Amino acid sequence: MRQEMLTEWIAQTYNTDPEFPWESSPESMVFRHRENGKWFALAMAVPREKLGLPGGGRAWVLNVKVDPLEAGSLRGEPGVLPAYHMNKEHWATLVLEQVDGDRLKLLLDGSFQLTGPKGKKGKNPPGLTSMKNIGKELARKLASVGAGTPQALREMGAKEAFARMRAAYPKVCLVHLYALEGAVEGVEYNALPQEVKADLKAFNDSFKEGRRA
């Protein structure tokens, strides 16, 4: 994903604009929560040799917060590196030219959830966040459309839950549909078979083409 597209997607999805806090690095962009001011992402252009990448010039990267329990396994994925100039236990660096766009969006959404304001005790629907791919923000959206428990989500199905979310939250995208299907099946979204992903993509495209209300 190009950094221009990423910046636009973040603005549309999280209603936040980039900040440019460093005169010495004018291209570097910080993205913050409006509620608590915490960073959830940092985009910057880093010399390729400092990242251990071949070739000259610089590569655009995105630093995101990750679950420390998952940090090690994430680094085995293409384009995921130990955090550049940040805590390597809690953050990871994503090389934009190497990380799949859907995967990048899911990791970014996870960072947004991990750094967001802490909800009141009992606010999050019990059980949903124990499912694969379901973070706090997605759990709240699911609860608001009638899928507030793992059983309710499984009975409703990923497509119906997504359709309801799409009506209530127009900015949800294909990666959320993948996440829901993975949650129902009990697998990471990127482990879904290609034929399942193709079917889900066609379902998502039907909204764009106006075949659904």
N, C-alpha and C. Protein backbone atom coordinates (compact mmCIF):
# COMPACT_ATOMS: atom_id res chain seq x y z
N MET A 1 0.85 -1.20 0.00
CA MET A 1 0.00 0.00 0.00
C MET A 1 0.89 1.25 0.00
N ARG A 2 0.61 2.19 -0.86
CA ARG A 2 1.35 3.44 -0.89
C ARG A 2 0.99 4.28 0.33
N GLN A 3 1.95 5.09 0.78
CA GLN A 3 1.71 5.86 2.00
C GLN A 3 0.60 6.89 1.80
N GLU A 4 0.42 7.41 0.57
CA GLU A 4 -0.66 8.36 0.33
C GLU A 4 -2.03 7.69 0.52
N MET A 5 -2.16 6.48 0.02
CA MET A 5 -3.40 5.73 0.17
C MET A 5 -3.64 5.39 1.64
N LEU A 6 -2.56 5.05 2.35
CA LEU A 6 -2.69 4.72 3.77
C LEU A 6 -3.17 5.92 4.56
N THR A 7 -2.58 7.09 4.30
CA THR A 7 -2.99 8.30 5.02
C THR A 7 -4.46 8.60 4.78
N GLU A 8 -4.90 8.45 3.55
CA GLU A 8 -6.30 8.70 3.22
C GLU A 8 -7.21 7.69 3.92
N TRP A 9 -6.79 6.43 3.93
CA TRP A 9 -7.61 5.39 4.56
C TRP A 9 -7.72 5.63 6.07
N ILE A 10 -6.62 6.01 6.72
CA ILE A 10 -6.65 6.29 8.16
C ILE A 10 -7.59 7.46 8.45
N ALA A 11 -7.52 8.50 7.63
CA ALA A 11 -8.37 9.67 7.84
C ALA A 11 -9.85 9.30 7.73
N GLN A 12 -10.20 8.48 6.73
CA GLN A 12 -11.58 8.10 6.52
C GLN A 12 -12.08 7.14 7.59
N THR A 13 -11.21 6.22 8.02
CA THR A 13 -11.63 5.17 8.95
C THR A 13 -11.64 5.64 10.39
N TYR A 14 -10.63 6.42 10.79
CA TYR A 14 -10.49 6.79 12.20
C TYR A 14 -10.71 8.28 12.47
N ASN A 15 -11.08 9.01 11.43
CA ASN A 15 -11.41 10.43 11.59
C ASN A 15 -10.27 11.20 12.27
N THR A 16 -9.07 10.97 11.78
CA THR A 16 -7.92 11.68 12.34
C THR A 16 -6.95 12.03 11.21
N ASP A 17 -6.31 13.16 11.34
CA ASP A 17 -5.34 13.62 10.34
C ASP A 17 -3.93 13.45 10.89
N PRO A 18 -2.94 13.30 10.03
CA PRO A 18 -1.57 13.12 10.51
C PRO A 18 -1.00 14.39 11.13
N GLU A 19 -0.11 14.21 12.07
CA GLU A 19 0.67 15.30 12.64
C GLU A 19 2.12 15.13 12.19
N PHE A 20 2.83 16.24 12.06
CA PHE A 20 4.22 16.23 11.61
C PHE A 20 5.06 16.88 12.70
N PRO A 21 5.44 16.13 13.73
CA PRO A 21 6.02 16.74 14.93
C PRO A 21 7.52 17.03 14.88
N TRP A 22 8.26 16.51 13.87
CA TRP A 22 9.71 16.63 13.89
C TRP A 22 10.23 17.44 12.71
N GLU A 23 10.87 18.55 13.01
CA GLU A 23 11.48 19.37 11.95
C GLU A 23 12.59 18.61 11.24
N SER A 24 13.30 17.76 11.99
CA SER A 24 14.42 17.02 11.41
C SER A 24 13.95 15.87 10.51
N SER A 25 12.67 15.53 10.60
CA SER A 25 12.11 14.47 9.77
C SER A 25 10.72 14.90 9.31
N PRO A 26 10.66 15.88 8.41
CA PRO A 26 9.38 16.52 8.06
C PRO A 26 8.35 15.59 7.43
N GLU A 27 8.78 14.45 6.88
CA GLU A 27 7.82 13.54 6.25
C GLU A 27 7.17 12.60 7.25
N SER A 28 7.78 12.43 8.41
CA SER A 28 7.27 11.47 9.39
C SER A 28 5.92 11.94 9.93
N MET A 29 4.99 11.00 10.02
CA MET A 29 3.61 11.32 10.41
C MET A 29 3.18 10.51 11.62
N VAL A 30 2.59 11.17 12.59
CA VAL A 30 2.03 10.52 13.77
C VAL A 30 0.51 10.58 13.68
N PHE A 31 -0.13 9.49 14.04
CA PHE A 31 -1.60 9.43 14.07
C PHE A 31 -2.03 9.17 15.51
N ARG A 32 -2.91 10.03 16.02
CA ARG A 32 -3.33 9.95 17.42
C ARG A 32 -4.83 9.71 17.55
N HIS A 33 -5.20 9.15 18.70
CA HIS A 33 -6.61 9.11 19.08
C HIS A 33 -7.07 10.51 19.44
N ARG A 34 -8.25 10.86 19.01
CA ARG A 34 -8.81 12.16 19.39
C ARG A 34 -9.16 12.20 20.87
N GLU A 35 -9.56 11.05 21.44
CA GLU A 35 -10.04 11.03 22.82
C GLU A 35 -8.92 11.15 23.84
N ASN A 36 -7.83 10.41 23.66
CA ASN A 36 -6.80 10.39 24.69
C ASN A 36 -5.44 10.90 24.22
N GLY A 37 -5.33 11.24 22.94
CA GLY A 37 -4.08 11.79 22.41
C GLY A 37 -2.97 10.78 22.21
N LYS A 38 -3.22 9.50 22.46
CA LYS A 38 -2.17 8.49 22.31
C LYS A 38 -1.94 8.15 20.83
N TRP A 39 -0.69 7.87 20.51
CA TRP A 39 -0.36 7.42 19.17
C TRP A 39 -0.95 6.02 18.94
N PHE A 40 -1.44 5.79 17.74
CA PHE A 40 -1.74 4.42 17.36
C PHE A 40 -0.96 4.00 16.11
N ALA A 41 -0.27 4.96 15.48
CA ALA A 41 0.56 4.63 14.32
C ALA A 41 1.56 5.75 14.06
N LEU A 42 2.71 5.35 13.51
CA LEU A 42 3.74 6.29 13.09
C LEU A 42 4.24 5.86 11.72
N ALA A 43 4.11 6.73 10.73
CA ALA A 43 4.58 6.45 9.37
C ALA A 43 5.83 7.26 9.10
N MET A 44 6.83 6.62 8.51
CA MET A 44 8.08 7.33 8.22
C MET A 44 8.83 6.64 7.09
N ALA A 45 9.71 7.39 6.44
CA ALA A 45 10.57 6.86 5.39
C ALA A 45 11.94 6.61 6.00
N VAL A 46 12.40 5.36 5.96
CA VAL A 46 13.63 4.95 6.62
C VAL A 46 14.62 4.43 5.57
N PRO A 47 15.90 4.80 5.68
CA PRO A 47 16.89 4.24 4.76
C PRO A 47 16.81 2.72 4.73
N ARG A 48 16.79 2.17 3.56
CA ARG A 48 16.58 0.73 3.41
C ARG A 48 17.65 -0.10 4.12
N GLU A 49 18.90 0.40 4.10
CA GLU A 49 19.97 -0.38 4.74
C GLU A 49 19.77 -0.50 6.25
N LYS A 50 19.13 0.51 6.87
CA LYS A 50 18.88 0.45 8.30
C LYS A 50 17.82 -0.60 8.66
N LEU A 51 17.01 -0.98 7.68
CA LEU A 51 15.99 -1.99 7.88
C LEU A 51 16.46 -3.37 7.41
N GLY A 52 17.67 -3.41 6.86
CA GLY A 52 18.17 -4.67 6.31
C GLY A 52 17.54 -5.04 5.00
N LEU A 53 17.04 -4.03 4.27
CA LEU A 53 16.40 -4.27 2.98
C LEU A 53 17.38 -4.03 1.84
N PRO A 54 17.27 -4.77 0.76
CA PRO A 54 18.18 -4.57 -0.38
C PRO A 54 17.88 -3.27 -1.11
N GLY A 55 18.88 -2.80 -1.86
CA GLY A 55 18.69 -1.60 -2.66
C GLY A 55 19.00 -0.33 -1.88
N GLY A 56 19.04 0.77 -2.62
CA GLY A 56 19.29 2.06 -1.98
C GLY A 56 18.01 2.82 -1.73
N GLY A 57 18.16 4.05 -1.29
CA GLY A 57 16.99 4.89 -1.04
C GLY A 57 16.31 4.55 0.27
N ARG A 58 15.06 4.94 0.37
CA ARG A 58 14.31 4.75 1.61
C ARG A 58 13.04 3.94 1.35
N ALA A 59 12.54 3.34 2.41
CA ALA A 59 11.29 2.58 2.34
C ALA A 59 10.31 3.16 3.36
N TRP A 60 9.06 3.28 2.95
CA TRP A 60 8.03 3.75 3.88
C TRP A 60 7.61 2.61 4.80
N VAL A 61 7.55 2.93 6.10
CA VAL A 61 7.14 1.93 7.09
C VAL A 61 6.07 2.52 7.99
N LEU A 62 5.38 1.63 8.67
CA LEU A 62 4.35 2.03 9.63
C LEU A 62 4.59 1.29 10.93
N ASN A 63 4.80 2.01 12.02
CA ASN A 63 4.92 1.40 13.33
C ASN A 63 3.55 1.30 13.98
N VAL A 64 3.19 0.10 14.43
CA VAL A 64 1.90 -0.12 15.08
C VAL A 64 2.11 -0.88 16.38
N LYS A 65 1.20 -0.68 17.32
CA LYS A 65 1.28 -1.40 18.59
C LYS A 65 0.70 -2.79 18.40
N VAL A 66 1.33 -3.78 19.05
CA VAL A 66 0.89 -5.17 18.93
C VAL A 66 0.81 -5.80 20.32
N ASP A 67 0.08 -6.90 20.39
CA ASP A 67 0.03 -7.69 21.62
C ASP A 67 1.40 -8.33 21.84
N PRO A 68 2.03 -8.11 23.00
CA PRO A 68 3.35 -8.70 23.23
C PRO A 68 3.37 -10.22 23.05
N LEU A 69 2.25 -10.89 23.30
CA LEU A 69 2.20 -12.34 23.15
C LEU A 69 2.25 -12.75 21.67
N GLU A 70 1.93 -11.82 20.78
CA GLU A 70 1.91 -12.13 19.36
C GLU A 70 3.10 -11.52 18.61
N ALA A 71 3.89 -10.68 19.29
CA ALA A 71 4.95 -9.94 18.61
C ALA A 71 5.94 -10.87 17.92
N GLY A 72 6.35 -11.94 18.60
CA GLY A 72 7.33 -12.84 18.03
C GLY A 72 6.86 -13.52 16.77
N SER A 73 5.63 -14.03 16.79
CA SER A 73 5.11 -14.72 15.61
C SER A 73 4.85 -13.76 14.46
N LEU A 74 4.49 -12.53 14.77
CA LEU A 74 4.24 -11.55 13.71
C LEU A 74 5.51 -11.27 12.91
N ARG A 75 6.64 -11.30 13.59
CA ARG A 75 7.89 -10.99 12.89
C ARG A 75 8.28 -12.06 11.88
N GLY A 76 7.60 -13.17 11.90
CA GLY A 76 7.84 -14.19 10.89
C GLY A 76 7.06 -13.95 9.61
N GLU A 77 6.19 -12.94 9.61
CA GLU A 77 5.39 -12.64 8.43
C GLU A 77 6.16 -11.71 7.49
N PRO A 78 5.89 -11.79 6.18
CA PRO A 78 6.58 -10.92 5.22
C PRO A 78 6.37 -9.44 5.54
N GLY A 79 7.46 -8.69 5.59
CA GLY A 79 7.37 -7.25 5.78
C GLY A 79 7.15 -6.78 7.20
N VAL A 80 7.14 -7.70 8.18
CA VAL A 80 6.96 -7.32 9.59
C VAL A 80 8.30 -7.42 10.29
N LEU A 81 8.79 -6.29 10.83
CA LEU A 81 10.12 -6.22 11.44
C LEU A 81 10.01 -5.78 12.89
N PRO A 82 11.06 -6.03 13.70
CA PRO A 82 11.09 -5.45 15.04
C PRO A 82 10.95 -3.94 14.94
N ALA A 83 10.28 -3.35 15.89
CA ALA A 83 9.95 -1.92 15.81
C ALA A 83 11.20 -1.07 15.64
N TYR A 84 11.17 -0.18 14.68
CA TYR A 84 12.27 0.74 14.41
C TYR A 84 12.17 1.93 15.35
N HIS A 85 13.16 2.08 16.26
CA HIS A 85 13.23 3.19 17.22
C HIS A 85 12.04 3.23 18.17
N MET A 86 11.42 2.07 18.45
CA MET A 86 10.34 2.01 19.44
C MET A 86 10.46 0.70 20.21
N ASN A 87 9.70 0.57 21.29
CA ASN A 87 9.73 -0.63 22.12
C ASN A 87 9.40 -1.86 21.28
N LYS A 88 10.35 -2.79 21.19
CA LYS A 88 10.18 -3.93 20.30
C LYS A 88 9.27 -5.01 20.87
N GLU A 89 8.96 -4.91 22.15
CA GLU A 89 8.03 -5.87 22.75
C GLU A 89 6.58 -5.51 22.44
N HIS A 90 6.32 -4.22 22.35
CA HIS A 90 4.95 -3.74 22.20
C HIS A 90 4.63 -3.16 20.83
N TRP A 91 5.64 -2.94 19.99
CA TRP A 91 5.42 -2.32 18.69
C TRP A 91 6.10 -3.14 17.60
N ALA A 92 5.62 -3.02 16.39
CA ALA A 92 6.23 -3.68 15.23
C ALA A 92 6.30 -2.68 14.08
N THR A 93 7.23 -2.89 13.18
CA THR A 93 7.38 -2.06 11.99
C THR A 93 6.89 -2.83 10.78
N LEU A 94 5.99 -2.22 10.03
CA LEU A 94 5.43 -2.83 8.82
C LEU A 94 6.00 -2.12 7.60
N VAL A 95 6.62 -2.86 6.71
CA VAL A 95 7.16 -2.29 5.47
C VAL A 95 6.02 -2.23 4.46
N LEU A 96 5.60 -1.03 4.08
CA LEU A 96 4.39 -0.87 3.28
C LEU A 96 4.45 -1.61 1.95
N GLU A 97 5.62 -1.68 1.34
CA GLU A 97 5.73 -2.32 0.03
C GLU A 97 5.67 -3.84 0.11
N GLN A 98 5.75 -4.39 1.33
CA GLN A 98 5.82 -5.84 1.48
C GLN A 98 4.61 -6.45 2.18
N VAL A 99 3.94 -5.69 3.02
CA VAL A 99 2.82 -6.24 3.79
C VAL A 99 1.53 -6.15 2.97
N ASP A 100 0.80 -7.25 2.90
CA ASP A 100 -0.48 -7.27 2.21
C ASP A 100 -1.41 -6.18 2.77
N GLY A 101 -2.13 -5.50 1.88
CA GLY A 101 -2.96 -4.38 2.31
C GLY A 101 -4.00 -4.74 3.34
N ASP A 102 -4.67 -5.87 3.18
CA ASP A 102 -5.68 -6.28 4.15
C ASP A 102 -5.04 -6.59 5.50
N ARG A 103 -3.88 -7.26 5.45
CA ARG A 103 -3.19 -7.59 6.70
C ARG A 103 -2.76 -6.32 7.41
N LEU A 104 -2.27 -5.35 6.65
CA LEU A 104 -1.84 -4.09 7.24
C LEU A 104 -3.01 -3.40 7.93
N LYS A 105 -4.16 -3.40 7.29
CA LYS A 105 -5.33 -2.74 7.88
C LYS A 105 -5.75 -3.43 9.17
N LEU A 106 -5.67 -4.75 9.21
CA LEU A 106 -6.06 -5.48 10.41
C LEU A 106 -5.10 -5.19 11.55
N LEU A 107 -3.80 -5.15 11.27
CA LEU A 107 -2.82 -4.84 12.30
C LEU A 107 -2.97 -3.39 12.77
N LEU A 108 -3.26 -2.50 11.85
CA LEU A 108 -3.49 -1.10 12.21
C LEU A 108 -4.72 -0.97 13.10
N ASP A 109 -5.77 -1.71 12.76
CA ASP A 109 -6.98 -1.67 13.58
C ASP A 109 -6.69 -2.21 14.97
N GLY A 110 -5.86 -3.27 15.04
CA GLY A 110 -5.48 -3.80 16.35
C GLY A 110 -4.73 -2.77 17.17
N SER A 111 -3.85 -2.01 16.52
CA SER A 111 -3.11 -0.96 17.21
C SER A 111 -4.05 0.13 17.72
N PHE A 112 -5.03 0.47 16.89
CA PHE A 112 -6.01 1.48 17.28
C PHE A 112 -6.77 1.03 18.53
N GLN A 113 -7.11 -0.24 18.59
CA GLN A 113 -7.84 -0.77 19.74
C GLN A 113 -6.95 -0.85 20.98
N LEU A 114 -5.70 -1.27 20.81
CA LEU A 114 -4.80 -1.41 21.96
C LEU A 114 -4.45 -0.08 22.60
N THR A 115 -4.48 0.99 21.84
CA THR A 115 -4.08 2.30 22.35
C THR A 115 -5.28 3.20 22.68
N GLY A 116 -6.48 2.70 22.45
CA GLY A 116 -7.68 3.51 22.66
C GLY A 116 -8.02 3.73 24.12
N PRO A 117 -8.98 4.62 24.39
CA PRO A 117 -9.42 4.87 25.75
C PRO A 117 -9.94 3.60 26.40
N LYS A 118 -9.64 3.43 27.67
CA LYS A 118 -10.11 2.26 28.39
C LYS A 118 -11.60 2.42 28.70
N GLY A 119 -12.38 1.41 28.33
CA GLY A 119 -13.82 1.45 28.61
C GLY A 119 -14.11 1.17 30.06
N LYS A 120 -15.31 1.50 30.47
CA LYS A 120 -15.73 1.19 31.83
C LYS A 120 -15.89 -0.31 32.01
N LYS A 121 -15.71 -0.75 33.24
CA LYS A 121 -15.82 -2.18 33.53
C LYS A 121 -17.18 -2.69 33.09
N GLY A 122 -17.15 -3.77 32.34
CA GLY A 122 -18.40 -4.37 31.89
C GLY A 122 -18.94 -3.78 30.61
N LYS A 123 -18.25 -2.80 30.03
CA LYS A 123 -18.76 -2.15 28.83
C LYS A 123 -18.66 -3.04 27.61
N ASN A 124 -17.55 -3.80 27.50
CA ASN A 124 -17.36 -4.66 26.34
C ASN A 124 -18.19 -5.92 26.46
N PRO A 125 -18.78 -6.37 25.37
CA PRO A 125 -19.57 -7.59 25.42
C PRO A 125 -18.70 -8.76 25.86
N PRO A 126 -19.12 -9.53 26.87
CA PRO A 126 -18.29 -10.63 27.35
C PRO A 126 -18.12 -11.70 26.29
N GLY A 127 -16.90 -12.16 26.14
CA GLY A 127 -16.66 -13.29 25.27
C GLY A 127 -16.25 -12.94 23.84
N LEU A 128 -16.76 -11.88 23.26
CA LEU A 128 -16.46 -11.58 21.86
C LEU A 128 -14.97 -11.38 21.62
N THR A 129 -14.31 -10.67 22.52
CA THR A 129 -12.89 -10.39 22.30
C THR A 129 -12.02 -11.61 22.52
N SER A 130 -12.60 -12.71 22.99
CA SER A 130 -11.83 -13.95 23.10
C SER A 130 -11.80 -14.69 21.77
N MET A 131 -12.62 -14.26 20.82
CA MET A 131 -12.65 -14.89 19.50
C MET A 131 -11.51 -14.38 18.63
N LYS A 132 -11.10 -15.18 17.67
CA LYS A 132 -10.07 -14.77 16.74
C LYS A 132 -10.48 -13.49 16.01
N ASN A 133 -9.54 -12.57 15.87
CA ASN A 133 -9.70 -11.36 15.04
C ASN A 133 -10.61 -10.29 15.63
N ILE A 134 -11.21 -10.53 16.80
CA ILE A 134 -12.18 -9.57 17.35
C ILE A 134 -11.54 -8.76 18.46
N GLY A 135 -11.35 -7.46 18.19
CA GLY A 135 -10.85 -6.54 19.21
C GLY A 135 -12.00 -5.78 19.85
N LYS A 136 -11.66 -4.88 20.73
CA LYS A 136 -12.69 -4.18 21.51
C LYS A 136 -13.61 -3.34 20.62
N GLU A 137 -13.03 -2.61 19.67
CA GLU A 137 -13.85 -1.74 18.83
C GLU A 137 -14.80 -2.54 17.96
N LEU A 138 -14.31 -3.62 17.37
CA LEU A 138 -15.17 -4.47 16.55
C LEU A 138 -16.24 -5.13 17.41
N ALA A 139 -15.88 -5.50 18.64
CA ALA A 139 -16.86 -6.10 19.55
C ALA A 139 -18.00 -5.14 19.85
N ARG A 140 -17.68 -3.87 20.04
CA ARG A 140 -18.72 -2.87 20.32
C ARG A 140 -19.65 -2.71 19.12
N LYS A 141 -19.06 -2.69 17.94
CA LYS A 141 -19.88 -2.56 16.73
C LYS A 141 -20.81 -3.77 16.59
N LEU A 142 -20.27 -4.96 16.82
CA LEU A 142 -21.08 -6.17 16.72
C LEU A 142 -22.22 -6.15 17.74
N ALA A 143 -21.92 -5.73 18.95
CA ALA A 143 -22.97 -5.67 19.98
C ALA A 143 -24.08 -4.72 19.57
N SER A 144 -23.72 -3.63 18.90
CA SER A 144 -24.73 -2.63 18.53
C SER A 144 -25.65 -3.11 17.41
N VAL A 145 -25.25 -4.19 16.72
CA VAL A 145 -26.10 -4.70 15.63
C VAL A 145 -26.69 -6.07 15.97
N GLY A 146 -26.65 -6.41 17.25
CA GLY A 146 -27.32 -7.63 17.68
C GLY A 146 -26.48 -8.88 17.72
N ALA A 147 -25.15 -8.73 17.60
CA ALA A 147 -24.25 -9.89 17.66
C ALA A 147 -23.28 -9.70 18.81
N GLY A 148 -23.82 -9.56 20.01
CA GLY A 148 -23.01 -9.19 21.17
C GLY A 148 -22.36 -10.33 21.92
N THR A 149 -22.54 -11.55 21.48
CA THR A 149 -21.89 -12.70 22.11
C THR A 149 -21.36 -13.63 21.02
N PRO A 150 -20.40 -14.49 21.36
CA PRO A 150 -19.91 -15.44 20.36
C PRO A 150 -21.04 -16.28 19.76
N GLN A 151 -21.96 -16.73 20.60
CA GLN A 151 -23.07 -17.55 20.10
C GLN A 151 -23.93 -16.75 19.12
N ALA A 152 -24.22 -15.49 19.47
CA ALA A 152 -25.05 -14.67 18.58
C ALA A 152 -24.36 -14.43 17.24
N LEU A 153 -23.04 -14.21 17.27
CA LEU A 153 -22.31 -14.00 16.02
C LEU A 153 -22.31 -15.26 15.17
N ARG A 154 -22.10 -16.40 15.80
CA ARG A 154 -22.08 -17.66 15.03
C ARG A 154 -23.45 -17.95 14.43
N GLU A 155 -24.50 -17.68 15.19
CA GLU A 155 -25.85 -17.94 14.68
C GLU A 155 -26.22 -16.97 13.56
N MET A 156 -25.78 -15.73 13.69
CA MET A 156 -26.08 -14.73 12.67
C MET A 156 -25.26 -14.97 11.41
N GLY A 157 -24.01 -15.38 11.59
CA GLY A 157 -23.12 -15.60 10.45
C GLY A 157 -22.37 -14.33 10.08
N ALA A 158 -21.19 -14.51 9.51
CA ALA A 158 -20.33 -13.37 9.20
C ALA A 158 -20.97 -12.40 8.21
N LYS A 159 -21.61 -12.92 7.19
CA LYS A 159 -22.16 -12.06 6.14
C LYS A 159 -23.30 -11.19 6.67
N GLU A 160 -24.22 -11.79 7.44
CA GLU A 160 -25.33 -11.01 7.97
C GLU A 160 -24.82 -9.98 8.96
N ALA A 161 -23.87 -10.37 9.82
CA ALA A 161 -23.31 -9.42 10.78
C ALA A 161 -22.62 -8.27 10.05
N PHE A 162 -21.89 -8.59 8.99
CA PHE A 162 -21.23 -7.54 8.21
C PHE A 162 -22.24 -6.63 7.55
N ALA A 163 -23.31 -7.21 7.00
CA ALA A 163 -24.33 -6.40 6.33
C ALA A 163 -24.96 -5.40 7.32
N ARG A 164 -25.22 -5.87 8.53
CA ARG A 164 -25.78 -4.97 9.54
C ARG A 164 -24.77 -3.89 9.95
N MET A 165 -23.51 -4.30 10.09
CA MET A 165 -22.49 -3.32 10.43
C MET A 165 -22.31 -2.30 9.32
N ARG A 166 -22.38 -2.77 8.09
CA ARG A 166 -22.21 -1.87 6.94
C ARG A 166 -23.30 -0.80 6.94
N ALA A 167 -24.51 -1.20 7.31
CA ALA A 167 -25.61 -0.24 7.36
C ALA A 167 -25.41 0.79 8.47
N ALA A 168 -24.84 0.34 9.60
CA ALA A 168 -24.66 1.23 10.74
C ALA A 168 -23.34 1.99 10.69
N TYR A 169 -22.33 1.36 10.10
CA TYR A 169 -20.98 1.95 10.05
C TYR A 169 -20.46 1.84 8.62
N PRO A 170 -20.77 2.78 7.76
CA PRO A 170 -20.44 2.68 6.33
C PRO A 170 -18.95 2.51 6.03
N LYS A 171 -18.08 2.83 6.97
CA LYS A 171 -16.64 2.75 6.70
C LYS A 171 -16.05 1.37 6.93
N VAL A 172 -16.85 0.40 7.39
CA VAL A 172 -16.29 -0.94 7.51
C VAL A 172 -15.94 -1.45 6.12
N CYS A 173 -14.96 -2.34 6.04
CA CYS A 173 -14.44 -2.75 4.74
C CYS A 173 -14.25 -4.26 4.68
N LEU A 174 -13.70 -4.72 3.58
CA LEU A 174 -13.54 -6.14 3.33
C LEU A 174 -12.76 -6.84 4.43
N VAL A 175 -11.74 -6.17 4.97
CA VAL A 175 -10.93 -6.82 5.99
C VAL A 175 -11.77 -7.15 7.23
N HIS A 176 -12.78 -6.33 7.52
CA HIS A 176 -13.67 -6.63 8.65
C HIS A 176 -14.50 -7.88 8.36
N LEU A 177 -14.92 -8.03 7.12
CA LEU A 177 -15.68 -9.23 6.75
C LEU A 177 -14.80 -10.47 6.88
N TYR A 178 -13.56 -10.39 6.43
CA TYR A 178 -12.62 -11.49 6.62
C TYR A 178 -12.47 -11.82 8.11
N ALA A 179 -12.33 -10.77 8.92
CA ALA A 179 -12.15 -10.97 10.36
C ALA A 179 -13.35 -11.68 10.97
N LEU A 180 -14.55 -11.29 10.56
CA LEU A 180 -15.76 -11.92 11.09
C LEU A 180 -15.83 -13.39 10.70
N GLU A 181 -15.54 -13.68 9.44
CA GLU A 181 -15.58 -15.07 8.99
C GLU A 181 -14.54 -15.91 9.74
N GLY A 182 -13.35 -15.34 9.92
CA GLY A 182 -12.33 -16.03 10.68
C GLY A 182 -12.76 -16.28 12.11
N ALA A 183 -13.43 -15.29 12.72
CA ALA A 183 -13.91 -15.45 14.09
C ALA A 183 -14.92 -16.59 14.19
N VAL A 184 -15.84 -16.63 13.25
CA VAL A 184 -16.86 -17.69 13.25
C VAL A 184 -16.21 -19.06 13.07
N GLU A 185 -15.20 -19.13 12.22
CA GLU A 185 -14.52 -20.40 11.94
C GLU A 185 -13.41 -20.72 12.94
N GLY A 186 -13.06 -19.75 13.77
CA GLY A 186 -12.03 -19.98 14.77
C GLY A 186 -10.61 -19.97 14.23
N VAL A 187 -10.37 -19.18 13.18
CA VAL A 187 -9.03 -19.11 12.58
C VAL A 187 -8.64 -17.65 12.36
N GLU A 188 -7.34 -17.41 12.22
CA GLU A 188 -6.87 -16.08 11.82
C GLU A 188 -7.41 -15.79 10.42
N TYR A 189 -7.76 -14.53 10.19
CA TYR A 189 -8.42 -14.21 8.92
C TYR A 189 -7.55 -14.56 7.71
N ASN A 190 -6.21 -14.41 7.87
CA ASN A 190 -5.35 -14.67 6.72
C ASN A 190 -5.17 -16.17 6.46
N ALA A 191 -5.75 -17.03 7.32
CA ALA A 191 -5.70 -18.48 7.10
C ALA A 191 -6.94 -18.99 6.37
N LEU A 192 -7.87 -18.09 6.06
CA LEU A 192 -9.07 -18.50 5.32
C LEU A 192 -8.68 -19.00 3.93
N PRO A 193 -9.31 -20.05 3.45
CA PRO A 193 -9.02 -20.54 2.10
C PRO A 193 -9.29 -19.46 1.05
N GLN A 194 -8.56 -19.51 -0.05
CA GLN A 194 -8.70 -18.49 -1.09
C GLN A 194 -10.11 -18.47 -1.68
N GLU A 195 -10.74 -19.63 -1.79
CA GLU A 195 -12.10 -19.65 -2.35
C GLU A 195 -13.09 -18.97 -1.41
N VAL A 196 -12.84 -19.09 -0.10
CA VAL A 196 -13.70 -18.40 0.87
C VAL A 196 -13.48 -16.90 0.77
N LYS A 197 -12.23 -16.47 0.67
CA LYS A 197 -11.94 -15.04 0.53
C LYS A 197 -12.57 -14.48 -0.74
N ALA A 198 -12.52 -15.25 -1.83
CA ALA A 198 -13.11 -14.79 -3.09
C ALA A 198 -14.62 -14.60 -2.94
N ASP A 199 -15.27 -15.54 -2.25
CA ASP A 199 -16.72 -15.43 -2.03
C ASP A 199 -17.04 -14.21 -1.17
N LEU A 200 -16.25 -13.99 -0.13
CA LEU A 200 -16.47 -12.83 0.74
C LEU A 200 -16.23 -11.52 -0.01
N LYS A 201 -15.21 -11.51 -0.86
CA LYS A 201 -14.94 -10.30 -1.64
C LYS A 201 -16.11 -9.98 -2.57
N ALA A 202 -16.68 -11.02 -3.20
CA ALA A 202 -17.83 -10.80 -4.07
C ALA A 202 -19.01 -10.26 -3.27
N PHE A 203 -19.18 -10.77 -2.06
CA PHE A 203 -20.26 -10.28 -1.19
C PHE A 203 -20.05 -8.80 -0.85
N ASN A 204 -18.81 -8.45 -0.50
CA ASN A 204 -18.50 -7.05 -0.19
C ASN A 204 -18.69 -6.16 -1.41
N ASP A 205 -18.26 -6.64 -2.58
CA ASP A 205 -18.39 -5.85 -3.81
C ASP A 205 -19.85 -5.58 -4.16
N SER A 206 -20.75 -6.47 -3.74
CA SER A 206 -22.16 -6.28 -4.07
C SER A 206 -22.72 -5.03 -3.43
N PHE A 207 -22.14 -4.60 -2.30
CA PHE A 207 -22.58 -3.35 -1.68
C PHE A 207 -22.12 -2.16 -2.52
N LYS A 208 -20.88 -2.23 -3.00
CA LYS A 208 -20.33 -1.13 -3.78
C LYS A 208 -21.11 -0.97 -5.10
N GLU A 209 -21.56 -2.08 -5.65
CA GLU A 209 -22.23 -2.03 -6.95
C GLU A 209 -23.72 -1.73 -6.83
N GLY A 210 -24.17 -1.53 -5.59
CA GLY A 210 -25.55 -1.14 -5.39
C GLY A 210 -26.55 -2.28 -5.52
N ARG A 211 -26.07 -3.53 -5.44
CA ARG A 211 -27.00 -4.65 -5.53
C ARG A 211 -27.70 -4.93 -4.22
N ARG A 212 -27.22 -4.24 -3.17
CA ARG A 212 -27.84 -4.40 -1.86
C ARG A 212 -28.24 -3.03 -1.32
N ALA A 213 -29.26 -3.04 -0.51
CA ALA A 213 -29.73 -1.78 0.06
C ALA A 213 -28.74 -1.28 1.08
